[in-house]
Amino acid sequence: MAIYREKNFAERRDAAGVAKKALLEKFKARPAADDPAVIARQEERKRILDARAIREAEKEKLRQERLAREAAEKAEREARAEAERLAAEAAAQAEAKAREAEEADRISRLLSDEAERKAKRDARYAARKARGKRMPPSANYG
């Protein structure tokens, strides 16, 4: 069974120095900017970024087309609804005019009927008056 032993300061310092040397060696081992592998990697990244930009431009174009199509459809729906509203309004006005004309016709018929009845009544009254004048005065009282 192993007992855990804490490292002292010198051991920690030596471990840190070893780690720093390893990082330095790794940095020095890195290829230079003019290395063909680095250049190839950079070109690949550039191609990827260009392809991404093209895809995003295509997506944006499709989005704009979709928005334009939706706006056109909405405008068409609104125009259709406005046309239907105007047609309904015109139909309601025509119906109201028809009702007014019908009411005016009914009123004129009632007035003409009333005038006709009054004319008949006046004719009967005049005929009665005329009969009464031809009769002797004693006939009126009895």
N, C-alpha and C. Protein backbone atom coordinates (compact mmCIF):
# COMPACT_ATOMS: atom_id res chain seq x y z
N MET A 1 0.85 -1.16 0.00
CA MET A 1 0.00 0.00 0.00
C MET A 1 0.90 1.23 0.00
N ALA A 2 0.59 2.15 -0.97
CA ALA A 2 1.44 3.34 -1.10
C ALA A 2 0.78 4.49 -0.36
N ILE A 3 1.57 5.17 0.34
CA ILE A 3 1.07 6.33 1.08
C ILE A 3 1.33 7.56 0.22
N TYR A 4 0.34 8.39 0.20
CA TYR A 4 0.47 9.62 -0.59
C TYR A 4 1.46 10.54 0.08
N ARG A 5 2.41 11.04 -0.74
CA ARG A 5 3.42 11.94 -0.20
C ARG A 5 3.29 13.25 -0.98
N GLU A 6 3.16 14.34 -0.25
CA GLU A 6 3.08 15.64 -0.91
C GLU A 6 4.43 16.01 -1.45
N LYS A 7 4.40 16.69 -2.62
CA LYS A 7 5.65 17.15 -3.22
C LYS A 7 6.09 18.42 -2.51
N ASN A 8 7.40 18.52 -2.34
CA ASN A 8 7.89 19.75 -1.71
C ASN A 8 8.08 20.83 -2.77
N PHE A 9 8.55 22.00 -2.34
CA PHE A 9 8.67 23.15 -3.23
C PHE A 9 9.63 22.88 -4.38
N ALA A 10 10.75 22.28 -4.10
CA ALA A 10 11.75 22.03 -5.13
C ALA A 10 11.20 21.10 -6.20
N GLU A 11 10.47 20.08 -5.80
CA GLU A 11 9.90 19.15 -6.77
C GLU A 11 8.85 19.84 -7.65
N ARG A 12 8.07 20.70 -7.04
CA ARG A 12 7.05 21.44 -7.82
C ARG A 12 7.72 22.40 -8.79
N ARG A 13 8.80 23.07 -8.33
CA ARG A 13 9.52 24.01 -9.18
C ARG A 13 10.15 23.28 -10.37
N ASP A 14 10.76 22.12 -10.12
CA ASP A 14 11.37 21.34 -11.19
C ASP A 14 10.33 20.86 -12.20
N ALA A 15 9.14 20.45 -11.71
CA ALA A 15 8.06 20.00 -12.58
C ALA A 15 7.57 21.16 -13.45
N ALA A 16 7.48 22.36 -12.87
CA ALA A 16 7.04 23.52 -13.64
C ALA A 16 8.07 23.85 -14.71
N GLY A 17 9.36 23.77 -14.37
CA GLY A 17 10.41 24.04 -15.36
C GLY A 17 10.36 23.05 -16.51
N VAL A 18 10.13 21.78 -16.21
CA VAL A 18 10.03 20.74 -17.24
C VAL A 18 8.84 21.03 -18.16
N ALA A 19 7.74 21.44 -17.57
CA ALA A 19 6.54 21.74 -18.35
C ALA A 19 6.79 22.93 -19.27
N LYS A 20 7.49 23.96 -18.74
CA LYS A 20 7.79 25.13 -19.57
C LYS A 20 8.70 24.76 -20.72
N LYS A 21 9.71 23.92 -20.46
CA LYS A 21 10.62 23.49 -21.52
C LYS A 21 9.85 22.71 -22.59
N ALA A 22 8.91 21.88 -22.17
CA ALA A 22 8.12 21.10 -23.12
C ALA A 22 7.29 22.02 -24.00
N LEU A 23 6.68 23.05 -23.40
CA LEU A 23 5.90 24.02 -24.18
C LEU A 23 6.79 24.75 -25.17
N LEU A 24 7.98 25.15 -24.72
CA LEU A 24 8.91 25.86 -25.59
C LEU A 24 9.33 24.97 -26.77
N GLU A 25 9.63 23.71 -26.50
CA GLU A 25 10.00 22.79 -27.56
C GLU A 25 8.84 22.60 -28.55
N LYS A 26 7.64 22.51 -28.02
CA LYS A 26 6.47 22.35 -28.88
C LYS A 26 6.31 23.58 -29.77
N PHE A 27 6.51 24.78 -29.19
CA PHE A 27 6.39 26.02 -29.95
C PHE A 27 7.46 26.09 -31.04
N LYS A 28 8.69 25.69 -30.68
CA LYS A 28 9.79 25.73 -31.65
C LYS A 28 9.58 24.69 -32.75
N ALA A 29 8.93 23.59 -32.45
CA ALA A 29 8.70 22.54 -33.42
C ALA A 29 7.56 22.88 -34.39
N ARG A 30 6.86 23.93 -34.09
CA ARG A 30 5.75 24.33 -34.96
C ARG A 30 6.30 24.71 -36.33
N PRO A 31 5.58 24.35 -37.43
CA PRO A 31 6.08 24.67 -38.76
C PRO A 31 6.01 26.18 -39.02
N ALA A 32 6.86 26.67 -39.88
CA ALA A 32 6.91 28.10 -40.20
C ALA A 32 5.72 28.48 -41.08
N ALA A 33 5.49 29.78 -41.24
CA ALA A 33 4.36 30.28 -42.01
C ALA A 33 4.49 29.92 -43.49
N ASP A 34 5.72 29.72 -43.98
CA ASP A 34 5.90 29.40 -45.40
C ASP A 34 5.98 27.90 -45.66
N ASP A 35 5.69 27.12 -44.65
CA ASP A 35 5.69 25.67 -44.79
C ASP A 35 4.52 25.26 -45.69
N PRO A 36 4.69 24.36 -46.64
CA PRO A 36 3.60 23.96 -47.54
C PRO A 36 2.39 23.39 -46.81
N ALA A 37 2.57 22.69 -45.73
CA ALA A 37 1.43 22.14 -44.97
C ALA A 37 0.61 23.28 -44.37
N VAL A 38 1.31 24.30 -43.85
CA VAL A 38 0.60 25.45 -43.26
C VAL A 38 -0.16 26.19 -44.36
N ILE A 39 0.49 26.40 -45.48
CA ILE A 39 -0.15 27.10 -46.59
C ILE A 39 -1.37 26.31 -47.08
N ALA A 40 -1.23 25.01 -47.20
CA ALA A 40 -2.35 24.17 -47.64
C ALA A 40 -3.51 24.26 -46.65
N ARG A 41 -3.18 24.24 -45.35
CA ARG A 41 -4.23 24.34 -44.32
C ARG A 41 -4.94 25.70 -44.40
N GLN A 42 -4.17 26.77 -44.63
CA GLN A 42 -4.77 28.10 -44.74
C GLN A 42 -5.66 28.18 -45.98
N GLU A 43 -5.21 27.61 -47.09
CA GLU A 43 -6.03 27.62 -48.31
C GLU A 43 -7.32 26.82 -48.10
N GLU A 44 -7.21 25.70 -47.41
CA GLU A 44 -8.42 24.90 -47.13
C GLU A 44 -9.41 25.70 -46.27
N ARG A 45 -8.89 26.38 -45.26
CA ARG A 45 -9.76 27.23 -44.41
C ARG A 45 -10.41 28.33 -45.24
N LYS A 46 -9.64 28.93 -46.15
CA LYS A 46 -10.19 29.99 -47.00
C LYS A 46 -11.29 29.44 -47.90
N ARG A 47 -11.06 28.23 -48.48
CA ARG A 47 -12.10 27.61 -49.32
C ARG A 47 -13.36 27.34 -48.49
N ILE A 48 -13.15 26.86 -47.27
CA ILE A 48 -14.31 26.59 -46.40
C ILE A 48 -15.07 27.87 -46.10
N LEU A 49 -14.34 28.94 -45.77
CA LEU A 49 -14.99 30.22 -45.48
C LEU A 49 -15.71 30.77 -46.71
N ASP A 50 -15.09 30.65 -47.89
CA ASP A 50 -15.74 31.12 -49.12
C ASP A 50 -17.02 30.32 -49.39
N ALA A 51 -16.94 29.00 -49.21
CA ALA A 51 -18.13 28.16 -49.43
C ALA A 51 -19.23 28.53 -48.44
N ARG A 52 -18.84 28.79 -47.19
CA ARG A 52 -19.83 29.19 -46.18
C ARG A 52 -20.48 30.52 -46.56
N ALA A 53 -19.66 31.47 -47.03
CA ALA A 53 -20.20 32.78 -47.44
C ALA A 53 -21.18 32.61 -48.60
N ILE A 54 -20.85 31.73 -49.55
CA ILE A 54 -21.75 31.50 -50.69
C ILE A 54 -23.06 30.88 -50.20
N ARG A 55 -22.97 29.89 -49.30
CA ARG A 55 -24.20 29.27 -48.78
C ARG A 55 -25.05 30.29 -48.03
N GLU A 56 -24.39 31.14 -47.23
CA GLU A 56 -25.16 32.15 -46.49
C GLU A 56 -25.80 33.15 -47.43
N ALA A 57 -25.10 33.52 -48.52
CA ALA A 57 -25.68 34.43 -49.50
C ALA A 57 -26.89 33.78 -50.18
N GLU A 58 -26.78 32.49 -50.50
CA GLU A 58 -27.91 31.79 -51.11
C GLU A 58 -29.08 31.71 -50.14
N LYS A 59 -28.78 31.43 -48.87
CA LYS A 59 -29.86 31.38 -47.86
C LYS A 59 -30.55 32.73 -47.75
N GLU A 60 -29.76 33.80 -47.73
CA GLU A 60 -30.32 35.14 -47.61
C GLU A 60 -31.16 35.47 -48.84
N LYS A 61 -30.67 35.07 -50.02
CA LYS A 61 -31.44 35.30 -51.25
C LYS A 61 -32.77 34.56 -51.19
N LEU A 62 -32.74 33.29 -50.76
CA LEU A 62 -33.98 32.52 -50.63
C LEU A 62 -34.92 33.13 -49.62
N ARG A 63 -34.34 33.63 -48.51
CA ARG A 63 -35.17 34.26 -47.48
C ARG A 63 -35.83 35.52 -48.04
N GLN A 64 -35.06 36.33 -48.78
CA GLN A 64 -35.62 37.54 -49.37
C GLN A 64 -36.71 37.21 -50.38
N GLU A 65 -36.48 36.16 -51.19
CA GLU A 65 -37.50 35.74 -52.15
C GLU A 65 -38.76 35.29 -51.43
N ARG A 66 -38.57 34.53 -50.35
CA ARG A 66 -39.73 34.05 -49.58
C ARG A 66 -40.50 35.23 -48.99
N LEU A 67 -39.75 36.20 -48.43
CA LEU A 67 -40.41 37.37 -47.85
C LEU A 67 -41.16 38.16 -48.92
N ALA A 68 -40.55 38.31 -50.10
CA ALA A 68 -41.21 39.03 -51.19
C ALA A 68 -42.47 38.28 -51.63
N ARG A 69 -42.37 36.94 -51.73
CA ARG A 69 -43.53 36.14 -52.13
C ARG A 69 -44.65 36.26 -51.10
N GLU A 70 -44.27 36.19 -49.81
CA GLU A 70 -45.29 36.32 -48.76
C GLU A 70 -45.93 37.70 -48.78
N ALA A 71 -45.11 38.73 -49.02
CA ALA A 71 -45.66 40.09 -49.09
C ALA A 71 -46.62 40.22 -50.27
N ALA A 72 -46.26 39.62 -51.41
CA ALA A 72 -47.15 39.67 -52.58
C ALA A 72 -48.45 38.93 -52.30
N GLU A 73 -48.34 37.77 -51.66
CA GLU A 73 -49.55 37.00 -51.33
C GLU A 73 -50.43 37.77 -50.36
N LYS A 74 -49.80 38.41 -49.39
CA LYS A 74 -50.56 39.19 -48.41
C LYS A 74 -51.26 40.35 -49.11
N ALA A 75 -50.53 41.04 -50.00
CA ALA A 75 -51.13 42.16 -50.73
C ALA A 75 -52.30 41.67 -51.59
N GLU A 76 -52.14 40.51 -52.20
CA GLU A 76 -53.21 39.95 -53.03
C GLU A 76 -54.43 39.60 -52.17
N ARG A 77 -54.16 38.99 -51.00
CA ARG A 77 -55.28 38.66 -50.09
C ARG A 77 -56.00 39.93 -49.66
N GLU A 78 -55.22 40.97 -49.30
CA GLU A 78 -55.84 42.21 -48.84
C GLU A 78 -56.64 42.86 -49.97
N ALA A 79 -56.08 42.82 -51.20
CA ALA A 79 -56.80 43.40 -52.34
C ALA A 79 -58.10 42.63 -52.59
N ARG A 80 -58.02 41.30 -52.50
CA ARG A 80 -59.22 40.48 -52.69
C ARG A 80 -60.26 40.80 -51.61
N ALA A 81 -59.79 40.91 -50.37
CA ALA A 81 -60.71 41.22 -49.27
C ALA A 81 -61.34 42.60 -49.46
N GLU A 82 -60.52 43.56 -49.92
CA GLU A 82 -61.05 44.92 -50.16
C GLU A 82 -62.07 44.89 -51.29
N ALA A 83 -61.79 44.12 -52.35
CA ALA A 83 -62.73 44.01 -53.46
C ALA A 83 -64.04 43.36 -52.99
N GLU A 84 -63.92 42.33 -52.17
CA GLU A 84 -65.12 41.67 -51.63
C GLU A 84 -65.90 42.63 -50.74
N ARG A 85 -65.16 43.42 -49.93
CA ARG A 85 -65.83 44.38 -49.07
C ARG A 85 -66.56 45.43 -49.89
N LEU A 86 -65.90 45.92 -50.96
CA LEU A 86 -66.55 46.91 -51.82
C LEU A 86 -67.76 46.32 -52.54
N ALA A 87 -67.63 45.07 -52.98
CA ALA A 87 -68.77 44.42 -53.65
C ALA A 87 -69.94 44.24 -52.68
N ALA A 88 -69.61 43.83 -51.45
CA ALA A 88 -70.67 43.67 -50.45
C ALA A 88 -71.31 45.02 -50.13
N GLU A 89 -70.47 46.05 -50.05
CA GLU A 89 -70.99 47.39 -49.77
C GLU A 89 -71.90 47.84 -50.91
N ALA A 90 -71.47 47.62 -52.16
CA ALA A 90 -72.29 48.00 -53.31
C ALA A 90 -73.60 47.21 -53.32
N ALA A 91 -73.52 45.92 -52.99
CA ALA A 91 -74.73 45.10 -52.94
C ALA A 91 -75.67 45.61 -51.84
N ALA A 92 -75.09 45.99 -50.70
CA ALA A 92 -75.92 46.51 -49.61
C ALA A 92 -76.57 47.83 -50.02
N GLN A 93 -75.80 48.68 -50.72
CA GLN A 93 -76.38 49.95 -51.18
C GLN A 93 -77.49 49.70 -52.20
N ALA A 94 -77.24 48.75 -53.12
CA ALA A 94 -78.26 48.43 -54.12
C ALA A 94 -79.52 47.88 -53.44
N GLU A 95 -79.30 47.04 -52.44
CA GLU A 95 -80.45 46.49 -51.70
C GLU A 95 -81.20 47.59 -50.96
N ALA A 96 -80.44 48.51 -50.37
CA ALA A 96 -81.08 49.62 -49.66
C ALA A 96 -81.88 50.49 -50.64
N LYS A 97 -81.30 50.75 -51.83
CA LYS A 97 -82.02 51.54 -52.83
C LYS A 97 -83.27 50.81 -53.30
N ALA A 98 -83.15 49.49 -53.47
CA ALA A 98 -84.31 48.70 -53.88
C ALA A 98 -85.39 48.76 -52.80
N ARG A 99 -84.97 48.64 -51.54
CA ARG A 99 -85.96 48.74 -50.45
C ARG A 99 -86.61 50.12 -50.42
N GLU A 100 -85.79 51.16 -50.63
CA GLU A 100 -86.34 52.52 -50.64
C GLU A 100 -87.32 52.69 -51.80
N ALA A 101 -86.94 52.15 -52.98
CA ALA A 101 -87.84 52.26 -54.14
C ALA A 101 -89.13 51.49 -53.88
N GLU A 102 -88.99 50.31 -53.28
CA GLU A 102 -90.17 49.51 -52.97
C GLU A 102 -91.06 50.24 -51.96
N GLU A 103 -90.44 50.84 -50.96
CA GLU A 103 -91.20 51.60 -49.95
C GLU A 103 -91.89 52.81 -50.59
N ALA A 104 -91.14 53.49 -51.48
CA ALA A 104 -91.74 54.66 -52.16
C ALA A 104 -92.91 54.21 -53.03
N ASP A 105 -92.75 53.07 -53.73
CA ASP A 105 -93.83 52.55 -54.56
C ASP A 105 -95.03 52.18 -53.71
N ARG A 106 -94.76 51.53 -52.57
CA ARG A 106 -95.85 51.15 -51.68
C ARG A 106 -96.59 52.40 -51.17
N ILE A 107 -95.80 53.41 -50.79
CA ILE A 107 -96.42 54.66 -50.29
C ILE A 107 -97.23 55.32 -51.39
N SER A 108 -96.70 55.35 -52.63
CA SER A 108 -97.46 55.98 -53.73
C SER A 108 -98.73 55.20 -54.02
N ARG A 109 -98.67 53.86 -53.94
CA ARG A 109 -99.89 53.06 -54.14
C ARG A 109 -100.90 53.36 -53.04
N LEU A 110 -100.39 53.44 -51.78
CA LEU A 110 -101.32 53.76 -50.69
C LEU A 110 -101.96 55.13 -50.89
N LEU A 111 -101.14 56.10 -51.30
CA LEU A 111 -101.69 57.44 -51.53
C LEU A 111 -102.68 57.45 -52.68
N SER A 112 -102.36 56.73 -53.76
CA SER A 112 -103.29 56.70 -54.89
C SER A 112 -104.58 55.97 -54.50
N ASP A 113 -104.44 54.87 -53.72
CA ASP A 113 -105.64 54.17 -53.25
C ASP A 113 -106.48 55.08 -52.36
N GLU A 114 -105.79 55.80 -51.48
CA GLU A 114 -106.50 56.73 -50.59
C GLU A 114 -107.18 57.83 -51.40
N ALA A 115 -106.49 58.35 -52.41
CA ALA A 115 -107.09 59.39 -53.25
C ALA A 115 -108.28 58.83 -54.02
N GLU A 116 -108.15 57.59 -54.50
CA GLU A 116 -109.25 56.95 -55.21
C GLU A 116 -110.46 56.75 -54.30
N ARG A 117 -110.19 56.27 -53.06
CA ARG A 117 -111.29 56.10 -52.11
C ARG A 117 -111.95 57.44 -51.78
N LYS A 118 -111.12 58.47 -51.62
CA LYS A 118 -111.66 59.79 -51.32
C LYS A 118 -112.50 60.30 -52.49
N ALA A 119 -112.01 60.04 -53.72
CA ALA A 119 -112.76 60.49 -54.90
C ALA A 119 -114.11 59.77 -54.96
N LYS A 120 -114.12 58.46 -54.67
CA LYS A 120 -115.37 57.70 -54.66
C LYS A 120 -116.31 58.23 -53.58
N ARG A 121 -115.73 58.46 -52.41
CA ARG A 121 -116.54 58.99 -51.30
C ARG A 121 -117.11 60.36 -51.66
N ASP A 122 -116.26 61.22 -52.24
CA ASP A 122 -116.74 62.54 -52.64
C ASP A 122 -117.83 62.44 -53.70
N ALA A 123 -117.66 61.44 -54.61
CA ALA A 123 -118.67 61.26 -55.66
C ALA A 123 -119.98 60.80 -55.03
N ARG A 124 -119.88 59.88 -54.05
CA ARG A 124 -121.12 59.44 -53.38
C ARG A 124 -121.76 60.61 -52.64
N TYR A 125 -120.95 61.39 -51.98
CA TYR A 125 -121.45 62.54 -51.23
C TYR A 125 -122.11 63.54 -52.19
N ALA A 126 -121.47 63.79 -53.30
CA ALA A 126 -122.03 64.72 -54.28
C ALA A 126 -123.32 64.16 -54.86
N ALA A 127 -123.34 62.84 -55.11
CA ALA A 127 -124.57 62.22 -55.65
C ALA A 127 -125.68 62.32 -54.63
N ARG A 128 -125.35 62.09 -53.36
CA ARG A 128 -126.36 62.20 -52.31
C ARG A 128 -126.87 63.63 -52.21
N LYS A 129 -125.94 64.58 -52.31
CA LYS A 129 -126.35 65.99 -52.27
C LYS A 129 -127.27 66.31 -53.45
N ALA A 130 -126.88 65.76 -54.60
CA ALA A 130 -127.68 66.04 -55.80
C ALA A 130 -129.07 65.41 -55.67
N ARG A 131 -129.13 64.23 -55.11
CA ARG A 131 -130.43 63.60 -54.92
C ARG A 131 -131.25 64.40 -53.92
N GLY A 132 -130.59 64.90 -52.92
CA GLY A 132 -131.30 65.65 -51.90
C GLY A 132 -131.87 66.94 -52.44
N LYS A 133 -131.30 67.56 -53.38
CA LYS A 133 -131.79 68.81 -53.95
C LYS A 133 -132.99 68.56 -54.83
N ARG A 134 -133.03 67.42 -55.44
CA ARG A 134 -134.16 67.13 -56.32
C ARG A 134 -135.40 66.72 -55.50
N MET A 135 -135.19 66.25 -54.32
CA MET A 135 -136.33 65.81 -53.50
C MET A 135 -136.97 67.02 -52.84
N PRO A 136 -138.23 66.92 -52.57
CA PRO A 136 -138.89 68.02 -51.87
C PRO A 136 -138.30 68.18 -50.47
N PRO A 137 -138.37 69.36 -49.92
CA PRO A 137 -137.76 69.61 -48.62
C PRO A 137 -138.36 68.75 -47.52
N SER A 138 -139.59 68.35 -47.59
CA SER A 138 -140.17 67.54 -46.56
C SER A 138 -139.62 66.15 -46.55
N ALA A 139 -139.09 65.68 -47.63
CA ALA A 139 -138.55 64.34 -47.73
C ALA A 139 -137.23 64.20 -46.94
N ASN A 140 -136.58 65.32 -46.74
CA ASN A 140 -135.31 65.28 -46.04
C ASN A 140 -135.48 65.01 -44.52
N TYR A 141 -136.65 65.26 -43.98
CA TYR A 141 -136.84 65.13 -42.54
C TYR A 141 -137.64 63.91 -42.14
N GLY A 142 -137.71 63.00 -42.87
CA GLY A 142 -138.61 62.06 -42.41
C GLY A 142 -138.61 60.74 -42.90
